[in-house]
mmCIF file of all heavy atoms, coordinates in Angstrom:
data_MODEL
# 
_entry.id   MODEL 
# 
loop_
_atom_site.group_PDB 
_atom_site.id 
_atom_site.type_symbol 
_atom_site.label_atom_id 
_atom_site.label_alt_id 
_atom_site.label_comp_id 
_atom_site.label_asym_id 
_atom_site.label_entity_id 
_atom_site.label_seq_id 
_atom_site.pdbx_PDB_ins_code 
_atom_site.Cartn_x 
_atom_site.Cartn_y 
_atom_site.Cartn_z 
_atom_site.occupancy 
_atom_site.B_iso_or_equiv 
_atom_site.pdbx_formal_charge 
_atom_site.auth_seq_id 
_atom_site.auth_comp_id 
_atom_site.auth_asym_id 
_atom_site.auth_atom_id 
_atom_site.pdbx_PDB_model_num 
ATOM 1   N N   . ILE A 1 1  ? -6.490  -1.042  -12.371 1.00 0.00 ? 1  ILE A N   1 
ATOM 2   C CA  . ILE A 1 1  ? -7.816  -1.614  -12.610 1.00 0.00 ? 1  ILE A CA  1 
ATOM 3   C C   . ILE A 1 1  ? -7.632  -2.945  -13.328 1.00 0.00 ? 1  ILE A C   1 
ATOM 4   O O   . ILE A 1 1  ? -6.577  -3.210  -13.903 1.00 0.00 ? 1  ILE A O   1 
ATOM 5   C CB  . ILE A 1 1  ? -8.734  -0.697  -13.445 1.00 0.00 ? 1  ILE A CB  1 
ATOM 6   C CG1 . ILE A 1 1  ? -8.074  -0.327  -14.779 1.00 0.00 ? 1  ILE A CG1 1 
ATOM 7   C CG2 . ILE A 1 1  ? -9.124  0.541   -12.669 1.00 0.00 ? 1  ILE A CG2 1 
ATOM 8   C CD1 . ILE A 1 1  ? -8.997  0.382   -15.744 1.00 0.00 ? 1  ILE A CD1 1 
ATOM 9   N N   . THR A 1 2  ? -8.664  -3.778  -13.290 1.00 0.00 ? 2  THR A N   1 
ATOM 10  C CA  . THR A 1 2  ? -8.645  -5.031  -14.033 1.00 0.00 ? 2  THR A CA  1 
ATOM 11  C C   . THR A 1 2  ? -9.813  -5.070  -14.993 1.00 0.00 ? 2  THR A C   1 
ATOM 12  O O   . THR A 1 2  ? -10.845 -4.440  -14.769 1.00 0.00 ? 2  THR A O   1 
ATOM 13  C CB  . THR A 1 2  ? -8.710  -6.251  -13.094 1.00 0.00 ? 2  THR A CB  1 
ATOM 14  O OG1 . THR A 1 2  ? -9.889  -6.149  -12.280 1.00 0.00 ? 2  THR A OG1 1 
ATOM 15  C CG2 . THR A 1 2  ? -7.481  -6.346  -12.219 1.00 0.00 ? 2  THR A CG2 1 
ATOM 16  N N   . GLY A 1 3  ? -9.652  -5.816  -16.070 1.00 0.00 ? 3  GLY A N   1 
ATOM 17  C CA  . GLY A 1 3  ? -10.692 -5.997  -17.067 1.00 0.00 ? 3  GLY A CA  1 
ATOM 18  C C   . GLY A 1 3  ? -10.109 -6.723  -18.267 1.00 0.00 ? 3  GLY A C   1 
ATOM 19  O O   . GLY A 1 3  ? -8.892  -6.831  -18.413 1.00 0.00 ? 3  GLY A O   1 
ATOM 20  N N   . ASP A 1 4  ? -10.964 -7.210  -19.137 1.00 0.00 ? 4  ASP A N   1 
ATOM 21  C CA  . ASP A 1 4  ? -10.507 -7.867  -20.363 1.00 0.00 ? 4  ASP A CA  1 
ATOM 22  C C   . ASP A 1 4  ? -10.340 -6.795  -21.429 1.00 0.00 ? 4  ASP A C   1 
ATOM 23  O O   . ASP A 1 4  ? -11.269 -6.447  -22.133 1.00 0.00 ? 4  ASP A O   1 
ATOM 24  C CB  . ASP A 1 4  ? -11.511 -8.925  -20.803 1.00 0.00 ? 4  ASP A CB  1 
ATOM 25  C CG  . ASP A 1 4  ? -11.085 -9.660  -22.058 1.00 0.00 ? 4  ASP A CG  1 
ATOM 26  O OD1 . ASP A 1 4  ? -9.956  -9.414  -22.541 1.00 0.00 ? 4  ASP A OD1 1 
ATOM 27  O OD2 . ASP A 1 4  ? -11.879 -10.464 -22.561 1.00 0.00 ? 4  ASP A OD2 1 
ATOM 28  N N   . PHE A 1 5  ? -9.143  -6.260  -21.561 1.00 0.00 ? 5  PHE A N   1 
ATOM 29  C CA  . PHE A 1 5  ? -8.907  -5.108  -22.413 1.00 0.00 ? 5  PHE A CA  1 
ATOM 30  C C   . PHE A 1 5  ? -8.674  -5.454  -23.880 1.00 0.00 ? 5  PHE A C   1 
ATOM 31  O O   . PHE A 1 5  ? -8.759  -4.583  -24.731 1.00 0.00 ? 5  PHE A O   1 
ATOM 32  C CB  . PHE A 1 5  ? -7.738  -4.273  -21.874 1.00 0.00 ? 5  PHE A CB  1 
ATOM 33  C CG  . PHE A 1 5  ? -7.984  -3.780  -20.479 1.00 0.00 ? 5  PHE A CG  1 
ATOM 34  C CD1 . PHE A 1 5  ? -7.106  -4.087  -19.466 1.00 0.00 ? 5  PHE A CD1 1 
ATOM 35  C CD2 . PHE A 1 5  ? -9.110  -3.037  -20.170 1.00 0.00 ? 5  PHE A CD2 1 
ATOM 36  C CE1 . PHE A 1 5  ? -7.341  -3.645  -18.168 1.00 0.00 ? 5  PHE A CE1 1 
ATOM 37  C CE2 . PHE A 1 5  ? -9.361  -2.596  -18.886 1.00 0.00 ? 5  PHE A CE2 1 
ATOM 38  C CZ  . PHE A 1 5  ? -8.472  -2.900  -17.880 1.00 0.00 ? 5  PHE A CZ  1 
ATOM 39  N N   . ASN A 1 6  ? -8.379  -6.709  -24.191 1.00 0.00 ? 6  ASN A N   1 
ATOM 40  C CA  . ASN A 1 6  ? -8.153  -7.069  -25.591 1.00 0.00 ? 6  ASN A CA  1 
ATOM 41  C C   . ASN A 1 6  ? -9.149  -8.099  -26.123 1.00 0.00 ? 6  ASN A C   1 
ATOM 42  O O   . ASN A 1 6  ? -9.013  -8.577  -27.233 1.00 0.00 ? 6  ASN A O   1 
ATOM 43  C CB  . ASN A 1 6  ? -6.712  -7.559  -25.807 1.00 0.00 ? 6  ASN A CB  1 
ATOM 44  C CG  . ASN A 1 6  ? -6.403  -8.821  -25.038 1.00 0.00 ? 6  ASN A CG  1 
ATOM 45  O OD1 . ASN A 1 6  ? -7.170  -9.245  -24.177 1.00 0.00 ? 6  ASN A OD1 1 
ATOM 46  N ND2 . ASN A 1 6  ? -5.261  -9.423  -25.327 1.00 0.00 ? 6  ASN A ND2 1 
ATOM 47  N N   . GLY A 1 7  ? -10.170 -8.442  -25.331 1.00 0.00 ? 7  GLY A N   1 
ATOM 48  C CA  . GLY A 1 7  ? -11.240 -9.318  -25.796 1.00 0.00 ? 7  GLY A CA  1 
ATOM 49  C C   . GLY A 1 7  ? -10.892 -10.792 -25.893 1.00 0.00 ? 7  GLY A C   1 
ATOM 50  O O   . GLY A 1 7  ? -11.594 -11.538 -26.576 1.00 0.00 ? 7  GLY A O   1 
ATOM 51  N N   . ASP A 1 8  ? -9.862  -11.256 -25.194 1.00 0.00 ? 8  ASP A N   1 
ATOM 52  C CA  . ASP A 1 8  ? -9.475  -12.667 -25.269 1.00 0.00 ? 8  ASP A CA  1 
ATOM 53  C C   . ASP A 1 8  ? -10.073 -13.513 -24.146 1.00 0.00 ? 8  ASP A C   1 
ATOM 54  O O   . ASP A 1 8  ? -9.717  -14.660 -23.979 1.00 0.00 ? 8  ASP A O   1 
ATOM 55  C CB  . ASP A 1 8  ? -7.956  -12.824 -25.301 1.00 0.00 ? 8  ASP A CB  1 
ATOM 56  C CG  . ASP A 1 8  ? -7.282  -12.350 -24.017 1.00 0.00 ? 8  ASP A CG  1 
ATOM 57  O OD1 . ASP A 1 8  ? -7.979  -11.886 -23.087 1.00 0.00 ? 8  ASP A OD1 1 
ATOM 58  O OD2 . ASP A 1 8  ? -6.040  -12.432 -23.947 1.00 0.00 ? 8  ASP A OD2 1 
ATOM 59  N N   . ARG A 1 9  ? -10.973 -12.924 -23.369 1.00 0.00 ? 9  ARG A N   1 
ATOM 60  C CA  . ARG A 1 9  ? -11.662 -13.589 -22.253 1.00 0.00 ? 9  ARG A CA  1 
ATOM 61  C C   . ARG A 1 9  ? -10.756 -13.876 -21.062 1.00 0.00 ? 9  ARG A C   1 
ATOM 62  O O   . ARG A 1 9  ? -11.053 -14.730 -20.232 1.00 0.00 ? 9  ARG A O   1 
ATOM 63  C CB  . ARG A 1 9  ? -12.377 -14.857 -22.708 1.00 0.00 ? 9  ARG A CB  1 
ATOM 64  C CG  . ARG A 1 9  ? -13.453 -14.554 -23.709 1.00 0.00 ? 9  ARG A CG  1 
ATOM 65  C CD  . ARG A 1 9  ? -14.257 -15.727 -24.059 1.00 0.00 ? 9  ARG A CD  1 
ATOM 66  N NE  . ARG A 1 9  ? -15.250 -15.300 -25.044 1.00 0.00 ? 9  ARG A NE  1 
ATOM 67  C CZ  . ARG A 1 9  ? -16.132 -16.073 -25.565 1.00 0.00 ? 9  ARG A CZ  1 
ATOM 68  N NH1 . ARG A 1 9  ? -16.180 -17.333 -25.218 1.00 0.00 ? 9  ARG A NH1 1 
ATOM 69  N NH2 . ARG A 1 9  ? -16.990 -15.610 -26.441 1.00 0.00 ? 9  ARG A NH2 1 
ATOM 70  N N   . ARG A 1 10 ? -9.627  -13.153 -20.998 1.00 0.00 ? 10 ARG A N   1 
ATOM 71  C CA  . ARG A 1 10 ? -8.754  -13.220 -19.824 1.00 0.00 ? 10 ARG A CA  1 
ATOM 72  C C   . ARG A 1 10 ? -8.678  -11.815 -19.233 1.00 0.00 ? 10 ARG A C   1 
ATOM 73  O O   . ARG A 1 10 ? -8.579  -10.824 -19.953 1.00 0.00 ? 10 ARG A O   1 
ATOM 74  C CB  . ARG A 1 10 ? -7.355  -13.713 -20.201 1.00 0.00 ? 10 ARG A CB  1 
ATOM 75  C CG  . ARG A 1 10 ? -7.332  -15.165 -20.651 1.00 0.00 ? 10 ARG A CG  1 
ATOM 76  C CD  . ARG A 1 10 ? -5.919  -15.698 -20.777 1.00 0.00 ? 10 ARG A CD  1 
ATOM 77  N NE  . ARG A 1 10 ? -5.110  -14.968 -21.719 1.00 0.00 ? 10 ARG A NE  1 
ATOM 78  C CZ  . ARG A 1 10 ? -4.928  -15.290 -22.989 1.00 0.00 ? 10 ARG A CZ  1 
ATOM 79  N NH1 . ARG A 1 10 ? -5.548  -16.332 -23.504 1.00 0.00 ? 10 ARG A NH1 1 
ATOM 80  N NH2 . ARG A 1 10 ? -4.135  -14.574 -23.760 1.00 0.00 ? 10 ARG A NH2 1 
ATOM 81  N N   . THR A 1 11 ? -8.704  -11.739 -17.912 1.00 0.00 ? 11 THR A N   1 
ATOM 82  C CA  . THR A 1 11 ? -8.637  -10.457 -17.233 1.00 0.00 ? 11 THR A CA  1 
ATOM 83  C C   . THR A 1 11 ? -7.200  -9.935  -17.254 1.00 0.00 ? 11 THR A C   1 
ATOM 84  O O   . THR A 1 11 ? -6.276  -10.632 -16.854 1.00 0.00 ? 11 THR A O   1 
ATOM 85  C CB  . THR A 1 11 ? -9.133  -10.584 -15.780 1.00 0.00 ? 11 THR A CB  1 
ATOM 86  O OG1 . THR A 1 11 ? -10.503 -11.023 -15.815 1.00 0.00 ? 11 THR A OG1 1 
ATOM 87  C CG2 . THR A 1 11 ? -9.063  -9.257  -15.049 1.00 0.00 ? 11 THR A CG2 1 
ATOM 88  N N   . ASP A 1 12 ? -7.054  -8.707  -17.725 1.00 0.00 ? 12 ASP A N   1 
ATOM 89  C CA  . ASP A 1 12 ? -5.759  -8.036  -17.825 1.00 0.00 ? 12 ASP A CA  1 
ATOM 90  C C   . ASP A 1 12 ? -5.677  -6.984  -16.728 1.00 0.00 ? 12 ASP A C   1 
ATOM 91  O O   . ASP A 1 12 ? -6.640  -6.758  -15.993 1.00 0.00 ? 12 ASP A O   1 
ATOM 92  C CB  . ASP A 1 12 ? -5.630  -7.362  -19.199 1.00 0.00 ? 12 ASP A CB  1 
ATOM 93  C CG  . ASP A 1 12 ? -5.954  -8.305  -20.340 1.00 0.00 ? 12 ASP A CG  1 
ATOM 94  O OD1 . ASP A 1 12 ? -5.312  -9.368  -20.414 1.00 0.00 ? 12 ASP A OD1 1 
ATOM 95  O OD2 . ASP A 1 12 ? -6.850  -7.987  -21.147 1.00 0.00 ? 12 ASP A OD2 1 
ATOM 96  N N   . MET A 1 13 ? -4.540  -6.319  -16.631 1.00 0.00 ? 13 MET A N   1 
ATOM 97  C CA  . MET A 1 13 ? -4.375  -5.242  -15.662 1.00 0.00 ? 13 MET A CA  1 
ATOM 98  C C   . MET A 1 13 ? -4.109  -3.945  -16.412 1.00 0.00 ? 13 MET A C   1 
ATOM 99  O O   . MET A 1 13 ? -3.280  -3.904  -17.321 1.00 0.00 ? 13 MET A O   1 
ATOM 100 C CB  . MET A 1 13 ? -3.223  -5.549  -14.711 1.00 0.00 ? 13 MET A CB  1 
ATOM 101 C CG  . MET A 1 13 ? -3.053  -4.491  -13.647 1.00 0.00 ? 13 MET A CG  1 
ATOM 102 S SD  . MET A 1 13 ? -2.649  -5.114  -12.001 1.00 0.00 ? 13 MET A SD  1 
ATOM 103 C CE  . MET A 1 13 ? -3.980  -6.192  -11.586 1.00 0.00 ? 13 MET A CE  1 
ATOM 104 N N   . GLY A 1 14 ? -4.854  -2.909  -16.042 1.00 0.00 ? 14 GLY A N   1 
ATOM 105 C CA  . GLY A 1 14 ? -4.640  -1.578  -16.582 1.00 0.00 ? 14 GLY A CA  1 
ATOM 106 C C   . GLY A 1 14 ? -4.045  -0.704  -15.493 1.00 0.00 ? 14 GLY A C   1 
ATOM 107 O O   . GLY A 1 14 ? -4.329  -0.886  -14.305 1.00 0.00 ? 14 GLY A O   1 
ATOM 108 N N   . MET A 1 15 ? -3.222  0.232   -15.899 1.00 0.00 ? 15 MET A N   1 
ATOM 109 C CA  . MET A 1 15 ? -2.587  1.100   -14.923 1.00 0.00 ? 15 MET A CA  1 
ATOM 110 C C   . MET A 1 15 ? -2.526  2.523   -15.457 1.00 0.00 ? 15 MET A C   1 
ATOM 111 O O   . MET A 1 15 ? -2.146  2.754   -16.593 1.00 0.00 ? 15 MET A O   1 
ATOM 112 C CB  . MET A 1 15 ? -1.155  0.629   -14.627 1.00 0.00 ? 15 MET A CB  1 
ATOM 113 C CG  . MET A 1 15 ? -0.381  1.574   -13.709 1.00 0.00 ? 15 MET A CG  1 
ATOM 114 S SD  . MET A 1 15 ? 1.311   1.036   -13.349 1.00 0.00 ? 15 MET A SD  1 
ATOM 115 C CE  . MET A 1 15 ? 2.037   0.976   -14.955 1.00 0.00 ? 15 MET A CE  1 
ATOM 116 N N   . MET A 1 16 ? -2.931  3.461   -14.608 1.00 0.00 ? 16 MET A N   1 
ATOM 117 C CA  . MET A 1 16 ? -2.655  4.868   -14.870 1.00 0.00 ? 16 MET A CA  1 
ATOM 118 C C   . MET A 1 16 ? -1.443  5.198   -14.019 1.00 0.00 ? 16 MET A C   1 
ATOM 119 O O   . MET A 1 16 ? -1.412  4.889   -12.828 1.00 0.00 ? 16 MET A O   1 
ATOM 120 C CB  . MET A 1 16 ? -3.831  5.759   -14.485 1.00 0.00 ? 16 MET A CB  1 
ATOM 121 C CG  . MET A 1 16 ? -3.560  7.239   -14.719 1.00 0.00 ? 16 MET A CG  1 
ATOM 122 S SD  . MET A 1 16 ? -4.975  8.269   -14.283 1.00 0.00 ? 16 MET A SD  1 
ATOM 123 C CE  . MET A 1 16 ? -5.879  8.219   -15.820 1.00 0.00 ? 16 MET A CE  1 
ATOM 124 N N   . TYR A 1 17 ? -0.436  5.788   -14.661 1.00 0.00 ? 17 TYR A N   1 
ATOM 125 C CA  . TYR A 1 17 ? 0.813   6.087   -13.958 1.00 0.00 ? 17 TYR A CA  1 
ATOM 126 C C   . TYR A 1 17 ? 1.130   7.570   -14.119 1.00 0.00 ? 17 TYR A C   1 
ATOM 127 O O   . TYR A 1 17 ? 1.142   8.095   -15.230 1.00 0.00 ? 17 TYR A O   1 
ATOM 128 C CB  . TYR A 1 17 ? 1.969   5.245   -14.507 1.00 0.00 ? 17 TYR A CB  1 
ATOM 129 C CG  . TYR A 1 17 ? 3.215   5.349   -13.674 1.00 0.00 ? 17 TYR A CG  1 
ATOM 130 C CD1 . TYR A 1 17 ? 3.382   4.558   -12.557 1.00 0.00 ? 17 TYR A CD1 1 
ATOM 131 C CD2 . TYR A 1 17 ? 4.212   6.259   -13.991 1.00 0.00 ? 17 TYR A CD2 1 
ATOM 132 C CE1 . TYR A 1 17 ? 4.522   4.653   -11.770 1.00 0.00 ? 17 TYR A CE1 1 
ATOM 133 C CE2 . TYR A 1 17 ? 5.361   6.367   -13.214 1.00 0.00 ? 17 TYR A CE2 1 
ATOM 134 C CZ  . TYR A 1 17 ? 5.506   5.562   -12.105 1.00 0.00 ? 17 TYR A CZ  1 
ATOM 135 O OH  . TYR A 1 17 ? 6.628   5.661   -11.331 1.00 0.00 ? 17 TYR A OH  1 
ATOM 136 N N   . ARG A 1 18 ? 1.378   8.216   -12.996 1.00 0.00 ? 18 ARG A N   1 
ATOM 137 C CA  . ARG A 1 18 ? 1.731   9.639   -12.998 1.00 0.00 ? 18 ARG A CA  1 
ATOM 138 C C   . ARG A 1 18 ? 3.240   9.775   -13.139 1.00 0.00 ? 18 ARG A C   1 
ATOM 139 O O   . ARG A 1 18 ? 4.009   9.384   -12.263 1.00 0.00 ? 18 ARG A O   1 
ATOM 140 C CB  . ARG A 1 18 ? 1.244   10.300  -11.710 1.00 0.00 ? 18 ARG A CB  1 
ATOM 141 C CG  . ARG A 1 18 ? 1.518   11.810  -11.667 1.00 0.00 ? 18 ARG A CG  1 
ATOM 142 C CD  . ARG A 1 18 ? 1.096   12.401  -10.351 1.00 0.00 ? 18 ARG A CD  1 
ATOM 143 N NE  . ARG A 1 18 ? 1.866   11.753  -9.286  1.00 0.00 ? 18 ARG A NE  1 
ATOM 144 C CZ  . ARG A 1 18 ? 1.491   11.680  -8.023  1.00 0.00 ? 18 ARG A CZ  1 
ATOM 145 N NH1 . ARG A 1 18 ? 0.348   12.192  -7.626  1.00 0.00 ? 18 ARG A NH1 1 
ATOM 146 N NH2 . ARG A 1 18 ? 2.234   11.090  -7.118  1.00 0.00 ? 18 ARG A NH2 1 
ATOM 147 N N   . GLN A 1 19 ? 3.657   10.345  -14.270 1.00 0.00 ? 19 GLN A N   1 
ATOM 148 C CA  . GLN A 1 19 ? 5.078   10.572  -14.541 1.00 0.00 ? 19 GLN A CA  1 
ATOM 149 C C   . GLN A 1 19 ? 5.581   11.725  -13.679 1.00 0.00 ? 19 GLN A C   1 
ATOM 150 O O   . GLN A 1 19 ? 4.799   12.577  -13.248 1.00 0.00 ? 19 GLN A O   1 
ATOM 151 C CB  . GLN A 1 19 ? 5.280   10.906  -16.026 1.00 0.00 ? 19 GLN A CB  1 
ATOM 152 C CG  . GLN A 1 19 ? 4.754   9.865   -16.990 1.00 0.00 ? 19 GLN A CG  1 
ATOM 153 C CD  . GLN A 1 19 ? 5.521   8.561   -16.928 1.00 0.00 ? 19 GLN A CD  1 
ATOM 154 O OE1 . GLN A 1 19 ? 6.719   8.536   -16.674 1.00 0.00 ? 19 GLN A OE1 1 
ATOM 155 N NE2 . GLN A 1 19 ? 4.826   7.457   -17.169 1.00 0.00 ? 19 GLN A NE2 1 
ATOM 156 N N   . PRO A 1 20 ? 6.881   11.794  -13.427 1.00 0.00 ? 20 PRO A N   1 
ATOM 157 C CA  . PRO A 1 20 ? 7.433   12.891  -12.614 1.00 0.00 ? 20 PRO A CA  1 
ATOM 158 C C   . PRO A 1 20 ? 7.096   14.293  -13.143 1.00 0.00 ? 20 PRO A C   1 
ATOM 159 O O   . PRO A 1 20 ? 6.958   15.230  -12.369 1.00 0.00 ? 20 PRO A O   1 
ATOM 160 C CB  . PRO A 1 20 ? 8.944   12.638  -12.657 1.00 0.00 ? 20 PRO A CB  1 
ATOM 161 C CG  . PRO A 1 20 ? 9.067   11.168  -12.877 1.00 0.00 ? 20 PRO A CG  1 
ATOM 162 C CD  . PRO A 1 20 ? 7.913   10.805  -13.773 1.00 0.00 ? 20 PRO A CD  1 
ATOM 163 N N   . ASP A 1 21 ? 6.901   14.429  -14.470 1.00 0.00 ? 21 ASP A N   1 
ATOM 164 C CA  . ASP A 1 21 ? 6.576   15.744  -15.033 1.00 0.00 ? 21 ASP A CA  1 
ATOM 165 C C   . ASP A 1 21 ? 5.086   16.074  -14.983 1.00 0.00 ? 21 ASP A C   1 
ATOM 166 O O   . ASP A 1 21 ? 4.662   17.118  -15.447 1.00 0.00 ? 21 ASP A O   1 
ATOM 167 C CB  . ASP A 1 21 ? 7.087   15.852  -16.475 1.00 0.00 ? 21 ASP A CB  1 
ATOM 168 C CG  . ASP A 1 21 ? 6.316   14.975  -17.457 1.00 0.00 ? 21 ASP A CG  1 
ATOM 169 O OD1 . ASP A 1 21 ? 5.410   14.212  -17.036 1.00 0.00 ? 21 ASP A OD1 1 
ATOM 170 O OD2 . ASP A 1 21 ? 6.626   15.042  -18.666 1.00 0.00 ? 21 ASP A OD2 1 
ATOM 171 N N   . GLY A 1 22 ? 4.262   15.162  -14.416 1.00 0.00 ? 22 GLY A N   1 
ATOM 172 C CA  . GLY A 1 22 ? 2.827   15.384  -14.306 1.00 0.00 ? 22 GLY A CA  1 
ATOM 173 C C   . GLY A 1 22 ? 2.012   14.736  -15.408 1.00 0.00 ? 22 GLY A C   1 
ATOM 174 O O   . GLY A 1 22 ? 0.787   14.681  -15.328 1.00 0.00 ? 22 GLY A O   1 
ATOM 175 N N   . THR A 1 23 ? 2.651   14.238  -16.449 1.00 0.00 ? 23 THR A N   1 
ATOM 176 C CA  . THR A 1 23 ? 1.953   13.490  -17.496 1.00 0.00 ? 23 THR A CA  1 
ATOM 177 C C   . THR A 1 23 ? 1.367   12.221  -16.878 1.00 0.00 ? 23 THR A C   1 
ATOM 178 O O   . THR A 1 23 ? 2.005   11.585  -16.045 1.00 0.00 ? 23 THR A O   1 
ATOM 179 C CB  . THR A 1 23 ? 2.929   13.114  -18.632 1.00 0.00 ? 23 THR A CB  1 
ATOM 180 O OG1 . THR A 1 23 ? 3.492   14.298  -19.166 1.00 0.00 ? 23 THR A OG1 1 
ATOM 181 C CG2 . THR A 1 23 ? 2.239   12.327  -19.722 1.00 0.00 ? 23 THR A CG2 1 
ATOM 182 N N   . MET A 1 24 ? 0.152   11.865  -17.293 1.00 0.00 ? 24 MET A N   1 
ATOM 183 C CA  . MET A 1 24 ? -0.468  10.633  -16.807 1.00 0.00 ? 24 MET A CA  1 
ATOM 184 C C   . MET A 1 24 ? -0.624  9.687   -17.990 1.00 0.00 ? 24 MET A C   1 
ATOM 185 O O   . MET A 1 24 ? -1.270  10.025  -18.977 1.00 0.00 ? 24 MET A O   1 
ATOM 186 C CB  . MET A 1 24 ? -1.821  10.936  -16.172 1.00 0.00 ? 24 MET A CB  1 
ATOM 187 C CG  . MET A 1 24 ? -1.691  11.746  -14.913 1.00 0.00 ? 24 MET A CG  1 
ATOM 188 S SD  . MET A 1 24 ? -3.292  12.061  -14.189 1.00 0.00 ? 24 MET A SD  1 
ATOM 189 C CE  . MET A 1 24 ? -3.013  13.700  -13.536 1.00 0.00 ? 24 MET A CE  1 
ATOM 190 N N   . LYS A 1 25 ? 0.003   8.528   -17.882 1.00 0.00 ? 25 LYS A N   1 
ATOM 191 C CA  . LYS A 1 25 ? -0.017  7.550   -18.964 1.00 0.00 ? 25 LYS A CA  1 
ATOM 192 C C   . LYS A 1 25 ? -0.845  6.340   -18.569 1.00 0.00 ? 25 LYS A C   1 
ATOM 193 O O   . LYS A 1 25 ? -0.822  5.899   -17.428 1.00 0.00 ? 25 LYS A O   1 
ATOM 194 C CB  . LYS A 1 25 ? 1.399   7.091   -19.310 1.00 0.00 ? 25 LYS A CB  1 
ATOM 195 C CG  . LYS A 1 25 ? 2.214   8.098   -20.060 1.00 0.00 ? 25 LYS A CG  1 
ATOM 196 C CD  . LYS A 1 25 ? 3.512   7.459   -20.547 1.00 0.00 ? 25 LYS A CD  1 
ATOM 197 C CE  . LYS A 1 25 ? 4.280   8.421   -21.422 1.00 0.00 ? 25 LYS A CE  1 
ATOM 198 N NZ  . LYS A 1 25 ? 5.496   7.787   -21.947 1.00 0.00 ? 25 LYS A NZ  1 
ATOM 199 N N   . MET A 1 26 ? -1.546  5.804   -19.548 1.00 0.00 ? 26 MET A N   1 
ATOM 200 C CA  . MET A 1 26 ? -2.256  4.540   -19.378 1.00 0.00 ? 26 MET A CA  1 
ATOM 201 C C   . MET A 1 26 ? -1.383  3.430   -19.935 1.00 0.00 ? 26 MET A C   1 
ATOM 202 O O   . MET A 1 26 ? -0.775  3.570   -20.996 1.00 0.00 ? 26 MET A O   1 
ATOM 203 C CB  . MET A 1 26 ? -3.598  4.547   -20.113 1.00 0.00 ? 26 MET A CB  1 
ATOM 204 C CG  . MET A 1 26 ? -4.658  5.411   -19.464 1.00 0.00 ? 26 MET A CG  1 
ATOM 205 S SD  . MET A 1 26 ? -5.085  4.952   -17.768 1.00 0.00 ? 26 MET A SD  1 
ATOM 206 C CE  . MET A 1 26 ? -5.737  3.304   -17.958 1.00 0.00 ? 26 MET A CE  1 
# 
């Protein structure tokens, strides 16, 4: 996903990643 995640007025990239053990990390 994209959005300004730190409030600096620049669009950043967010990622949800599924680890091999099933854990999902942002």
